[in-house]
Amino acid sequence: MVNKAGVVSVAFALCGFSAALVSGIGAGNDAVTVLLRALLAMFVCQLVGMLAGSMLSRLITEEQARYREAHPIPSVPDVAGPARRGEVFVVGEAVDDRGTKS
């Protein structure tokens, strides 16, 4: 599983770095000042991105739990085998008389 907070934080960091780099060059600053400010912006944006990514990850987890609760996987009794009391099997897909998927 992909770490969503990490992906979002890296995206924020790269956007902050590139925006600071372009704006510093556009303002006519010297190279050392532009790079130091761009690195500072990158670290700050990574922290903000980590916060946003962790909130996004939690939101996705909650929504998945809510969906699974609202839409449970149906279970049906086994009608093909011998009759046994109390056993329920989950059916994943339908198969016709020839044994092929329909």
PDB file of N, CA and C in Angstrom:
ATOM      1  N   MET A   1       0.837  -1.172   0.000  1.00  0.00           N
ATOM      2  CA  MET A   1       0.000   0.000   0.000  1.00  0.00           C
ATOM      3  C   MET A   1       0.886   1.241   0.000  1.00  0.00           C
ATOM      4  N   VAL A   2       0.497   2.220  -0.751  1.00  0.00           N
ATOM      5  CA  VAL A   2       1.269   3.453  -0.877  1.00  0.00           C
ATOM      6  C   VAL A   2       1.003   4.342   0.332  1.00  0.00           C
ATOM      7  N   ASN A   3       2.061   4.948   0.849  1.00  0.00           N
ATOM      8  CA  ASN A   3       1.935   5.890   1.951  1.00  0.00           C
ATOM      9  C   ASN A   3       1.418   7.211   1.390  1.00  0.00           C
ATOM     10  N   LYS A   4       0.113   7.467   1.557  1.00  0.00           N
ATOM     11  CA  LYS A   4      -0.515   8.642   0.967  1.00  0.00           C
ATOM     12  C   LYS A   4       0.055   9.941   1.527  1.00  0.00           C
ATOM     13  N   ALA A   5       0.346   9.962   2.820  1.00  0.00           N
ATOM     14  CA  ALA A   5       0.896  11.172   3.429  1.00  0.00           C
ATOM     15  C   ALA A   5       2.272  11.488   2.851  1.00  0.00           C
ATOM     16  N   GLY A   6       3.067  10.473   2.589  1.00  0.00           N
ATOM     17  CA  GLY A   6       4.388  10.687   2.012  1.00  0.00           C
ATOM     18  C   GLY A   6       4.315  11.208   0.590  1.00  0.00           C
ATOM     19  N   VAL A   7       3.405  10.676  -0.198  1.00  0.00           N
ATOM     20  CA  VAL A   7       3.254  11.125  -1.580  1.00  0.00           C
ATOM     21  C   VAL A   7       2.795  12.576  -1.624  1.00  0.00           C
ATOM     22  N   VAL A   8       1.825  12.916  -0.794  1.00  0.00           N
ATOM     23  CA  VAL A   8       1.325  14.286  -0.770  1.00  0.00           C
ATOM     24  C   VAL A   8       2.405  15.244  -0.270  1.00  0.00           C
ATOM     25  N   SER A   9       3.172  14.844   0.734  1.00  0.00           N
ATOM     26  CA  SER A   9       4.201  15.737   1.271  1.00  0.00           C
ATOM     27  C   SER A   9       5.305  15.983   0.249  1.00  0.00           C
ATOM     28  N   VAL A  10       5.669  14.979  -0.521  1.00  0.00           N
ATOM     29  CA  VAL A  10       6.682  15.174  -1.558  1.00  0.00           C
ATOM     30  C   VAL A  10       6.161  16.093  -2.657  1.00  0.00           C
ATOM     31  N   ALA A  11       4.907  15.933  -3.033  1.00  0.00           N
ATOM     32  CA  ALA A  11       4.319  16.804  -4.054  1.00  0.00           C
ATOM     33  C   ALA A  11       4.292  18.256  -3.573  1.00  0.00           C
ATOM     34  N   PHE A  12       3.891  18.476  -2.313  1.00  0.00           N
ATOM     35  CA  PHE A  12       3.896  19.822  -1.758  1.00  0.00           C
ATOM     36  C   PHE A  12       5.315  20.394  -1.744  1.00  0.00           C
ATOM     37  N   ALA A  13       6.295  19.582  -1.336  1.00  0.00           N
ATOM     38  CA  ALA A  13       7.676  20.047  -1.239  1.00  0.00           C
ATOM     39  C   ALA A  13       8.217  20.451  -2.608  1.00  0.00           C
ATOM     40  N   LEU A  14       7.967  19.633  -3.621  1.00  0.00           N
ATOM     41  CA  LEU A  14       8.458  19.972  -4.958  1.00  0.00           C
ATOM     42  C   LEU A  14       7.779  21.214  -5.524  1.00  0.00           C
ATOM     43  N   CYS A  15       6.507  21.366  -5.250  1.00  0.00           N
ATOM     44  CA  CYS A  15       5.807  22.570  -5.705  1.00  0.00           C
ATOM     45  C   CYS A  15       6.346  23.817  -5.003  1.00  0.00           C
ATOM     46  N   GLY A  16       6.575  23.728  -3.708  1.00  0.00           N
ATOM     47  CA  GLY A  16       7.123  24.866  -2.968  1.00  0.00           C
ATOM     48  C   GLY A  16       8.515  25.224  -3.429  1.00  0.00           C
ATOM     49  N   PHE A  17       9.351  24.205  -3.676  1.00  0.00           N
ATOM     50  CA  PHE A  17      10.718  24.448  -4.139  1.00  0.00           C
ATOM     51  C   PHE A  17      10.709  25.122  -5.503  1.00  0.00           C
ATOM     52  N   SER A  18       9.919  24.585  -6.429  1.00  0.00           N
ATOM     53  CA  SER A  18       9.907  25.152  -7.780  1.00  0.00           C
ATOM     54  C   SER A  18       9.311  26.552  -7.804  1.00  0.00           C
ATOM     55  N   ALA A  19       8.281  26.803  -7.002  1.00  0.00           N
ATOM     56  CA  ALA A  19       7.694  28.146  -6.954  1.00  0.00           C
ATOM     57  C   ALA A  19       8.692  29.150  -6.379  1.00  0.00           C
ATOM     58  N   ALA A  20       9.410  28.769  -5.318  1.00  0.00           N
ATOM     59  CA  ALA A  20      10.396  29.671  -4.735  1.00  0.00           C
ATOM     60  C   ALA A  20      11.569  29.891  -5.685  1.00  0.00           C
ATOM     61  N   LEU A  21      11.961  28.870  -6.401  1.00  0.00           N
ATOM     62  CA  LEU A  21      13.060  28.983  -7.353  1.00  0.00           C
ATOM     63  C   LEU A  21      12.702  29.933  -8.500  1.00  0.00           C
ATOM     64  N   VAL A  22      11.541  29.744  -9.075  1.00  0.00           N
ATOM     65  CA  VAL A  22      11.112  30.586 -10.201  1.00  0.00           C
ATOM     66  C   VAL A  22      10.902  32.023  -9.755  1.00  0.00           C
ATOM     67  N   SER A  23      10.277  32.213  -8.606  1.00  0.00           N
ATOM     68  CA  SER A  23      10.032  33.586  -8.160  1.00  0.00           C
ATOM     69  C   SER A  23      11.331  34.283  -7.748  1.00  0.00           C
ATOM     70  N   GLY A  24      12.279  33.544  -7.175  1.00  0.00           N
ATOM     71  CA  GLY A  24      13.563  34.144  -6.817  1.00  0.00           C
ATOM     72  C   GLY A  24      14.372  34.545  -8.027  1.00  0.00           C
ATOM     73  N   ILE A  25      14.376  33.690  -9.038  1.00  0.00           N
ATOM     74  CA  ILE A  25      15.083  34.029 -10.279  1.00  0.00           C
ATOM     75  C   ILE A  25      14.386  35.188 -10.975  1.00  0.00           C
ATOM     76  N   GLY A  26      13.071  35.177 -10.962  1.00  0.00           N
ATOM     77  CA  GLY A  26      12.303  36.263 -11.583  1.00  0.00           C
ATOM     78  C   GLY A  26      12.524  37.606 -10.901  1.00  0.00           C
ATOM     79  N   ALA A  27      12.793  37.569  -9.590  1.00  0.00           N
ATOM     80  CA  ALA A  27      13.029  38.816  -8.853  1.00  0.00           C
ATOM     81  C   ALA A  27      14.446  39.336  -9.051  1.00  0.00           C
ATOM     82  N   GLY A  28      15.312  38.504  -9.631  1.00  0.00           N
ATOM     83  CA  GLY A  28      16.672  38.930  -9.893  1.00  0.00           C
ATOM     84  C   GLY A  28      17.615  38.746  -8.717  1.00  0.00           C
ATOM     85  N   ASN A  29      17.303  37.875  -7.781  1.00  0.00           N
ATOM     86  CA  ASN A  29      18.182  37.611  -6.636  1.00  0.00           C
ATOM     87  C   ASN A  29      19.378  36.776  -7.075  1.00  0.00           C
ATOM     88  N   ASP A  30      20.435  36.792  -6.258  1.00  0.00           N
ATOM     89  CA  ASP A  30      21.605  35.988  -6.594  1.00  0.00           C
ATOM     90  C   ASP A  30      21.312  34.505  -6.334  1.00  0.00           C
ATOM     91  N   ALA A  31      22.129  33.623  -6.894  1.00  0.00           N
ATOM     92  CA  ALA A  31      21.866  32.192  -6.888  1.00  0.00           C
ATOM     93  C   ALA A  31      21.853  31.591  -5.491  1.00  0.00           C
ATOM     94  N   VAL A  32      22.770  32.028  -4.610  1.00  0.00           N
ATOM     95  CA  VAL A  32      22.832  31.470  -3.256  1.00  0.00           C
ATOM     96  C   VAL A  32      21.560  31.802  -2.481  1.00  0.00           C
ATOM     97  N   THR A  33      21.118  33.039  -2.568  1.00  0.00           N
ATOM     98  CA  THR A  33      19.892  33.451  -1.870  1.00  0.00           C
ATOM     99  C   THR A  33      18.686  32.691  -2.405  1.00  0.00           C
ATOM    100  N   VAL A  34      18.610  32.537  -3.709  1.00  0.00           N
ATOM    101  CA  VAL A  34      17.478  31.830  -4.322  1.00  0.00           C
ATOM    102  C   VAL A  34      17.447  30.383  -3.861  1.00  0.00           C
ATOM    103  N   LEU A  35      18.598  29.708  -3.880  1.00  0.00           N
ATOM    104  CA  LEU A  35      18.626  28.295  -3.480  1.00  0.00           C
ATOM    105  C   LEU A  35      18.339  28.106  -1.998  1.00  0.00           C
ATOM    106  N   LEU A  36      18.872  28.965  -1.148  1.00  0.00           N
ATOM    107  CA  LEU A  36      18.588  28.835   0.293  1.00  0.00           C
ATOM    108  C   LEU A  36      17.115  29.043   0.595  1.00  0.00           C
ATOM    109  N   ARG A  37      16.530  30.040  -0.032  1.00  0.00           N
ATOM    110  CA  ARG A  37      15.096  30.292   0.194  1.00  0.00           C
ATOM    111  C   ARG A  37      14.242  29.169  -0.396  1.00  0.00           C
ATOM    112  N   ALA A  38      14.673  28.619  -1.537  1.00  0.00           N
ATOM    113  CA  ALA A  38      13.924  27.515  -2.143  1.00  0.00           C
ATOM    114  C   ALA A  38      14.002  26.267  -1.268  1.00  0.00           C
ATOM    115  N   LEU A  39      15.161  26.005  -0.682  1.00  0.00           N
ATOM    116  CA  LEU A  39      15.289  24.855   0.228  1.00  0.00           C
ATOM    117  C   LEU A  39      14.437  25.045   1.479  1.00  0.00           C
ATOM    118  N   LEU A  40      14.435  26.246   2.017  1.00  0.00           N
ATOM    119  CA  LEU A  40      13.598  26.535   3.187  1.00  0.00           C
ATOM    120  C   LEU A  40      12.120  26.334   2.843  1.00  0.00           C
ATOM    121  N   ALA A  41      11.716  26.840   1.684  1.00  0.00           N
ATOM    122  CA  ALA A  41      10.324  26.670   1.254  1.00  0.00           C
ATOM    123  C   ALA A  41       9.985  25.196   1.061  1.00  0.00           C
ATOM    124  N   MET A  42      10.953  24.418   0.560  1.00  0.00           N
ATOM    125  CA  MET A  42      10.721  22.996   0.346  1.00  0.00           C
ATOM    126  C   MET A  42      10.458  22.281   1.666  1.00  0.00           C
ATOM    127  N   PHE A  43      11.258  22.559   2.693  1.00  0.00           N
ATOM    128  CA  PHE A  43      11.065  21.899   3.981  1.00  0.00           C
ATOM    129  C   PHE A  43       9.752  22.307   4.645  1.00  0.00           C
ATOM    130  N   VAL A  44       9.423  23.582   4.565  1.00  0.00           N
ATOM    131  CA  VAL A  44       8.166  24.051   5.159  1.00  0.00           C
ATOM    132  C   VAL A  44       6.976  23.423   4.426  1.00  0.00           C
ATOM    133  N   CYS A  45       7.042  23.386   3.103  1.00  0.00           N
ATOM    134  CA  CYS A  45       5.940  22.811   2.334  1.00  0.00           C
ATOM    135  C   CYS A  45       5.827  21.308   2.561  1.00  0.00           C
ATOM    136  N   GLN A  46       6.952  20.643   2.827  1.00  0.00           N
ATOM    137  CA  GLN A  46       6.881  19.214   3.113  1.00  0.00           C
ATOM    138  C   GLN A  46       6.150  18.962   4.429  1.00  0.00           C
ATOM    139  N   LEU A  47       6.400  19.795   5.420  1.00  0.00           N
ATOM    140  CA  LEU A  47       5.686  19.641   6.691  1.00  0.00           C
ATOM    141  C   LEU A  47       4.193  19.874   6.529  1.00  0.00           C
ATOM    142  N   VAL A  48       3.843  20.911   5.765  1.00  0.00           N
ATOM    143  CA  VAL A  48       2.429  21.188   5.507  1.00  0.00           C
ATOM    144  C   VAL A  48       1.800  20.034   4.709  1.00  0.00           C
ATOM    145  N   GLY A  49       2.548  19.506   3.747  1.00  0.00           N
ATOM    146  CA  GLY A  49       2.057  18.382   2.950  1.00  0.00           C
ATOM    147  C   GLY A  49       1.879  17.118   3.762  1.00  0.00           C
ATOM    148  N   MET A  50       2.766  16.904   4.742  1.00  0.00           N
ATOM    149  CA  MET A  50       2.632  15.728   5.605  1.00  0.00           C
ATOM    150  C   MET A  50       1.346  15.822   6.434  1.00  0.00           C
ATOM    151  N   LEU A  51       1.048  17.004   6.926  1.00  0.00           N
ATOM    152  CA  LEU A  51      -0.194  17.206   7.672  1.00  0.00           C
ATOM    153  C   LEU A  51      -1.412  16.977   6.775  1.00  0.00           C
ATOM    154  N   ALA A  52      -1.387  17.563   5.581  1.00  0.00           N
ATOM    155  CA  ALA A  52      -2.515  17.389   4.654  1.00  0.00           C
ATOM    156  C   ALA A  52      -2.649  15.931   4.218  1.00  0.00           C
ATOM    157  N   GLY A  53      -1.532  15.256   3.992  1.00  0.00           N
ATOM    158  CA  GLY A  53      -1.578  13.856   3.580  1.00  0.00           C
ATOM    159  C   GLY A  53      -2.100  12.939   4.662  1.00  0.00           C
ATOM    160  N   SER A  54      -1.733  13.213   5.914  1.00  0.00           N
ATOM    161  CA  SER A  54      -2.243  12.372   7.000  1.00  0.00           C
ATOM    162  C   SER A  54      -3.748  12.583   7.196  1.00  0.00           C
ATOM    163  N   MET A  55      -4.211  13.807   7.018  1.00  0.00           N
ATOM    164  CA  MET A  55      -5.654  14.045   7.091  1.00  0.00           C
ATOM    165  C   MET A  55      -6.374  13.349   5.942  1.00  0.00           C
ATOM    166  N   LEU A  56      -5.779  13.371   4.748  1.00  0.00           N
ATOM    167  CA  LEU A  56      -6.363  12.691   3.604  1.00  0.00           C
ATOM    168  C   LEU A  56      -6.420  11.182   3.825  1.00  0.00           C
ATOM    169  N   SER A  57      -5.353  10.616   4.369  1.00  0.00           N
ATOM    170  CA  SER A  57      -5.311   9.181   4.636  1.00  0.00           C
ATOM    171  C   SER A  57      -6.386   8.779   5.647  1.00  0.00           C
ATOM    172  N   ARG A  58      -6.553   9.573   6.678  1.00  0.00           N
ATOM    173  CA  ARG A  58      -7.580   9.272   7.676  1.00  0.00           C
ATOM    174  C   ARG A  58      -8.986   9.387   7.082  1.00  0.00           C
ATOM    175  N   LEU A  59      -9.197  10.399   6.247  1.00  0.00           N
ATOM    176  CA  LEU A  59     -10.490  10.573   5.600  1.00  0.00           C
ATOM    177  C   LEU A  59     -10.824   9.382   4.707  1.00  0.00           C
ATOM    178  N   ILE A  60      -9.845   8.900   3.952  1.00  0.00           N
ATOM    179  CA  ILE A  60     -10.075   7.752   3.074  1.00  0.00           C
ATOM    180  C   ILE A  60     -10.404   6.507   3.889  1.00  0.00           C
ATOM    181  N   THR A  61      -9.684   6.293   4.989  1.00  0.00           N
ATOM    182  CA  THR A  61      -9.940   5.137   5.838  1.00  0.00           C
ATOM    183  C   THR A  61     -11.350   5.178   6.427  1.00  0.00           C
ATOM    184  N   GLU A  62     -11.767   6.350   6.892  1.00  0.00           N
ATOM    185  CA  GLU A  62     -13.118   6.479   7.455  1.00  0.00           C
ATOM    186  C   GLU A  62     -14.191   6.258   6.403  1.00  0.00           C
ATOM    187  N   GLU A  63     -13.986   6.789   5.205  1.00  0.00           N
ATOM    188  CA  GLU A  63     -14.976   6.623   4.148  1.00  0.00           C
ATOM    189  C   GLU A  63     -15.070   5.163   3.699  1.00  0.00           C
ATOM    190  N   GLN A  64     -13.938   4.471   3.633  1.00  0.00           N
ATOM    191  CA  GLN A  64     -13.974   3.056   3.280  1.00  0.00           C
ATOM    192  C   GLN A  64     -14.719   2.240   4.335  1.00  0.00           C
ATOM    193  N   ALA A  65     -14.493   2.551   5.599  1.00  0.00           N
ATOM    194  CA  ALA A  65     -15.203   1.837   6.670  1.00  0.00           C
ATOM    195  C   ALA A  65     -16.700   2.111   6.608  1.00  0.00           C
ATOM    196  N   ARG A  66     -17.066   3.354   6.340  1.00  0.00           N
ATOM    197  CA  ARG A  66     -18.477   3.712   6.237  1.00  0.00           C
ATOM    198  C   ARG A  66     -19.130   3.006   5.045  1.00  0.00           C
ATOM    199  N   TYR A  67     -18.420   2.921   3.920  1.00  0.00           N
ATOM    200  CA  TYR A  67     -18.969   2.242   2.741  1.00  0.00           C
ATOM    201  C   TYR A  67     -19.149   0.752   3.008  1.00  0.00           C
ATOM    202  N   ARG A  68     -18.139   0.134   3.625  1.00  0.00           N
ATOM    203  CA  ARG A  68     -18.235  -1.300   3.904  1.00  0.00           C
ATOM    204  C   ARG A  68     -19.373  -1.603   4.874  1.00  0.00           C
ATOM    205  N   GLU A  69     -19.621  -0.703   5.800  1.00  0.00           N
ATOM    206  CA  GLU A  69     -20.723  -0.897   6.744  1.00  0.00           C
ATOM    207  C   GLU A  69     -22.064  -0.752   6.039  1.00  0.00           C
ATOM    208  N   ALA A  70     -22.155   0.187   5.096  1.00  0.00           N
ATOM    209  CA  ALA A  70     -23.416   0.416   4.387  1.00  0.00           C
ATOM    210  C   ALA A  70     -23.665  -0.627   3.300  1.00  0.00           C
ATOM    211  N   HIS A  71     -22.606  -1.232   2.753  1.00  0.00           N
ATOM    212  CA  HIS A  71     -22.731  -2.199   1.674  1.00  0.00           C
ATOM    213  C   HIS A  71     -22.000  -3.492   2.035  1.00  0.00           C
ATOM    214  N   PRO A  72     -22.557  -4.293   2.926  1.00  0.00           N
ATOM    215  CA  PRO A  72     -21.879  -5.542   3.321  1.00  0.00           C
ATOM    216  C   PRO A  72     -21.877  -6.553   2.186  1.00  0.00           C
ATOM    217  N   ILE A  73     -20.914  -7.456   2.226  1.00  0.00           N
ATOM    218  CA  ILE A  73     -20.840  -8.525   1.238  1.00  0.00           C
ATOM    219  C   ILE A  73     -21.935  -9.539   1.569  1.00  0.00           C
ATOM    220  N   PRO A  74     -22.813  -9.826   0.596  1.00  0.00           N
ATOM    221  CA  PRO A  74     -23.912 -10.760   0.902  1.00  0.00           C
ATOM    222  C   PRO A  74     -23.399 -12.182   1.049  1.00  0.00           C
ATOM    223  N   SER A  75     -24.042 -12.926   1.910  1.00  0.00           N
ATOM    224  CA  SER A  75     -23.714 -14.337   2.073  1.00  0.00           C
ATOM    225  C   SER A  75     -24.963 -15.156   1.755  1.00  0.00           C
ATOM    226  N   VAL A  76     -24.748 -16.286   1.082  1.00  0.00           N
ATOM    227  CA  VAL A  76     -25.860 -17.148   0.687  1.00  0.00           C
ATOM    228  C   VAL A  76     -25.583 -18.559   1.174  1.00  0.00           C
ATOM    229  N   PRO A  77     -26.618 -19.330   1.453  1.00  0.00           N
ATOM    230  CA  PRO A  77     -26.395 -20.708   1.883  1.00  0.00           C
ATOM    231  C   PRO A  77     -25.888 -21.554   0.712  1.00  0.00           C
ATOM    232  N   ASP A  78     -25.153 -22.608   1.030  1.00  0.00           N
ATOM    233  CA  ASP A  78     -24.633 -23.528   0.021  1.00  0.00           C
ATOM    234  C   ASP A  78     -25.760 -24.449  -0.431  1.00  0.00           C
ATOM    235  N   VAL A  79     -26.194 -24.288  -1.679  1.00  0.00           N
ATOM    236  CA  VAL A  79     -27.283 -25.112  -2.187  1.00  0.00           C
ATOM    237  C   VAL A  79     -26.767 -26.233  -3.083  1.00  0.00           C
ATOM    238  N   ALA A  80     -25.510 -26.192  -3.501  1.00  0.00           N
ATOM    239  CA  ALA A  80     -24.982 -27.204  -4.417  1.00  0.00           C
ATOM    240  C   ALA A  80     -24.560 -28.476  -3.680  1.00  0.00           C
ATOM    241  N   GLY A  81     -24.043 -28.356  -2.475  1.00  0.00           N
ATOM    242  CA  GLY A  81     -23.531 -29.507  -1.745  1.00  0.00           C
ATOM    243  C   GLY A  81     -24.594 -30.140  -0.867  1.00  0.00           C
ATOM    244  N   PRO A  82     -24.190 -31.110  -0.070  1.00  0.00           N
ATOM    245  CA  PRO A  82     -25.144 -31.741   0.852  1.00  0.00           C
ATOM    246  C   PRO A  82     -25.637 -30.727   1.881  1.00  0.00           C
ATOM    247  N   ALA A  83     -26.849 -30.954   2.315  1.00  0.00           N
ATOM    248  CA  ALA A  83     -27.467 -30.024   3.254  1.00  0.00           C
ATOM    249  C   ALA A  83     -26.798 -30.143   4.613  1.00  0.00           C
ATOM    250  N   ARG A  84     -26.199 -29.062   5.053  1.00  0.00           N
ATOM    251  CA  ARG A  84     -25.595 -29.001   6.382  1.00  0.00           C
ATOM    252  C   ARG A  84     -26.225 -27.831   7.114  1.00  0.00           C
ATOM    253  N   ARG A  85     -26.442 -28.005   8.353  1.00  0.00           N
ATOM    254  CA  ARG A  85     -27.106 -26.959   9.116  1.00  0.00           C
ATOM    255  C   ARG A  85     -26.106 -25.903   9.564  1.00  0.00           C
ATOM    256  N   GLY A  86     -26.497 -24.644   9.400  1.00  0.00           N
ATOM    257  CA  GLY A  86     -25.739 -23.537   9.960  1.00  0.00           C
ATOM    258  C   GLY A  86     -24.539 -23.075   9.153  1.00  0.00           C
ATOM    259  N   GLU A  87     -24.258 -23.680   8.007  1.00  0.00           N
ATOM    260  CA  GLU A  87     -23.105 -23.239   7.228  1.00  0.00           C
ATOM    261  C   GLU A  87     -23.554 -22.269   6.153  1.00  0.00           C
ATOM    262  N   VAL A  88     -22.795 -21.179   6.026  1.00  0.00           N
ATOM    263  CA  VAL A  88     -23.073 -20.172   5.021  1.00  0.00           C
ATOM    264  C   VAL A  88     -21.788 -19.922   4.249  1.00  0.00           C
ATOM    265  N   PHE A  89     -21.882 -19.877   2.926  1.00  0.00           N
ATOM    266  CA  PHE A  89     -20.714 -19.653   2.075  1.00  0.00           C
ATOM    267  C   PHE A  89     -20.903 -18.357   1.297  1.00  0.00           C
ATOM    268  N   VAL A  90     -19.821 -17.616   1.116  1.00  0.00           N
ATOM    269  CA  VAL A  90     -19.863 -16.379   0.343  1.00  0.00           C
ATOM    270  C   VAL A  90     -19.598 -16.728  -1.115  1.00  0.00           C
ATOM    271  N   VAL A  91     -20.471 -16.225  -1.987  1.00  0.00           N
ATOM    272  CA  VAL A  91     -20.357 -16.491  -3.415  1.00  0.00           C
ATOM    273  C   VAL A  91     -19.776 -15.259  -4.076  1.00  0.00           C
ATOM    274  N   GLY A  92     -18.685 -15.449  -4.848  1.00  0.00           N
ATOM    275  CA  GLY A  92     -18.023 -14.313  -5.474  1.00  0.00           C
ATOM    276  C   GLY A  92     -18.534 -13.999  -6.866  1.00  0.00           C
ATOM    277  N   GLU A  93     -18.900 -15.007  -7.651  1.00  0.00           N
ATOM    278  CA  GLU A  93     -19.356 -14.759  -9.004  1.00  0.00           C
ATOM    279  C   GLU A  93     -20.302 -15.880  -9.440  1.00  0.00           C
ATOM    280  N   ALA A  94     -21.116 -15.589 -10.442  1.00  0.00           N
ATOM    281  CA  ALA A  94     -22.098 -16.565 -10.922  1.00  0.00           C
ATOM    282  C   ALA A  94     -21.490 -17.441 -12.003  1.00  0.00           C
ATOM    283  N   VAL A  95     -21.831 -18.716 -12.002  1.00  0.00           N
ATOM    284  CA  VAL A  95     -21.354 -19.675 -13.009  1.00  0.00           C
ATOM    285  C   VAL A  95     -22.586 -20.374 -13.568  1.00  0.00           C
ATOM    286  N   ASP A  96     -22.616 -20.522 -14.925  1.00  0.00           N
ATOM    287  CA  ASP A  96     -23.768 -21.163 -15.531  1.00  0.00           C
ATOM    288  C   ASP A  96     -23.599 -22.698 -15.488  1.00  0.00           C
ATOM    289  N   ASP A  97     -24.513 -23.442 -16.175  1.00  0.00           N
ATOM    290  CA  ASP A  97     -24.530 -24.912 -16.123  1.00  0.00           C
ATOM    291  C   ASP A  97     -23.274 -25.543 -16.719  1.00  0.00           C
ATOM    292  N   ARG A  98     -22.631 -24.881 -17.669  1.00  0.00           N
ATOM    293  CA  ARG A  98     -21.447 -25.447 -18.304  1.00  0.00           C
ATOM    294  C   ARG A  98     -20.178 -25.184 -17.492  1.00  0.00           C
ATOM    295  N   GLY A  99     -20.281 -24.404 -16.407  1.00  0.00           N
ATOM    296  CA  GLY A  99     -19.123 -24.126 -15.569  1.00  0.00           C
ATOM    297  C   GLY A  99     -18.352 -22.886 -15.984  1.00  0.00           C
ATOM    298  N   THR A 100     -18.972 -22.087 -16.855  1.00  0.00           N
ATOM    299  CA  THR A 100     -18.294 -20.852 -17.292  1.00  0.00           C
ATOM    300  C   THR A 100     -18.957 -19.671 -16.619  1.00  0.00           C
ATOM    301  N   LYS A 101     -18.174 -18.596 -16.526  1.00  0.00           N
ATOM    302  CA  LYS A 101     -18.705 -17.374 -15.892  1.00  0.00           C
ATOM    303  C   LYS A 101     -19.762 -16.754 -16.794  1.00  0.00           C
ATOM    304  N   SER A 102     -20.791 -16.232 -16.173  1.00  0.00           N
ATOM    305  CA  SER A 102     -21.832 -15.577 -16.964  1.00  0.00           C
ATOM    306  C   SER A 102     -21.730 -14.083 -16.819  1.00  0.00           C
TER     307      SER A 102
END
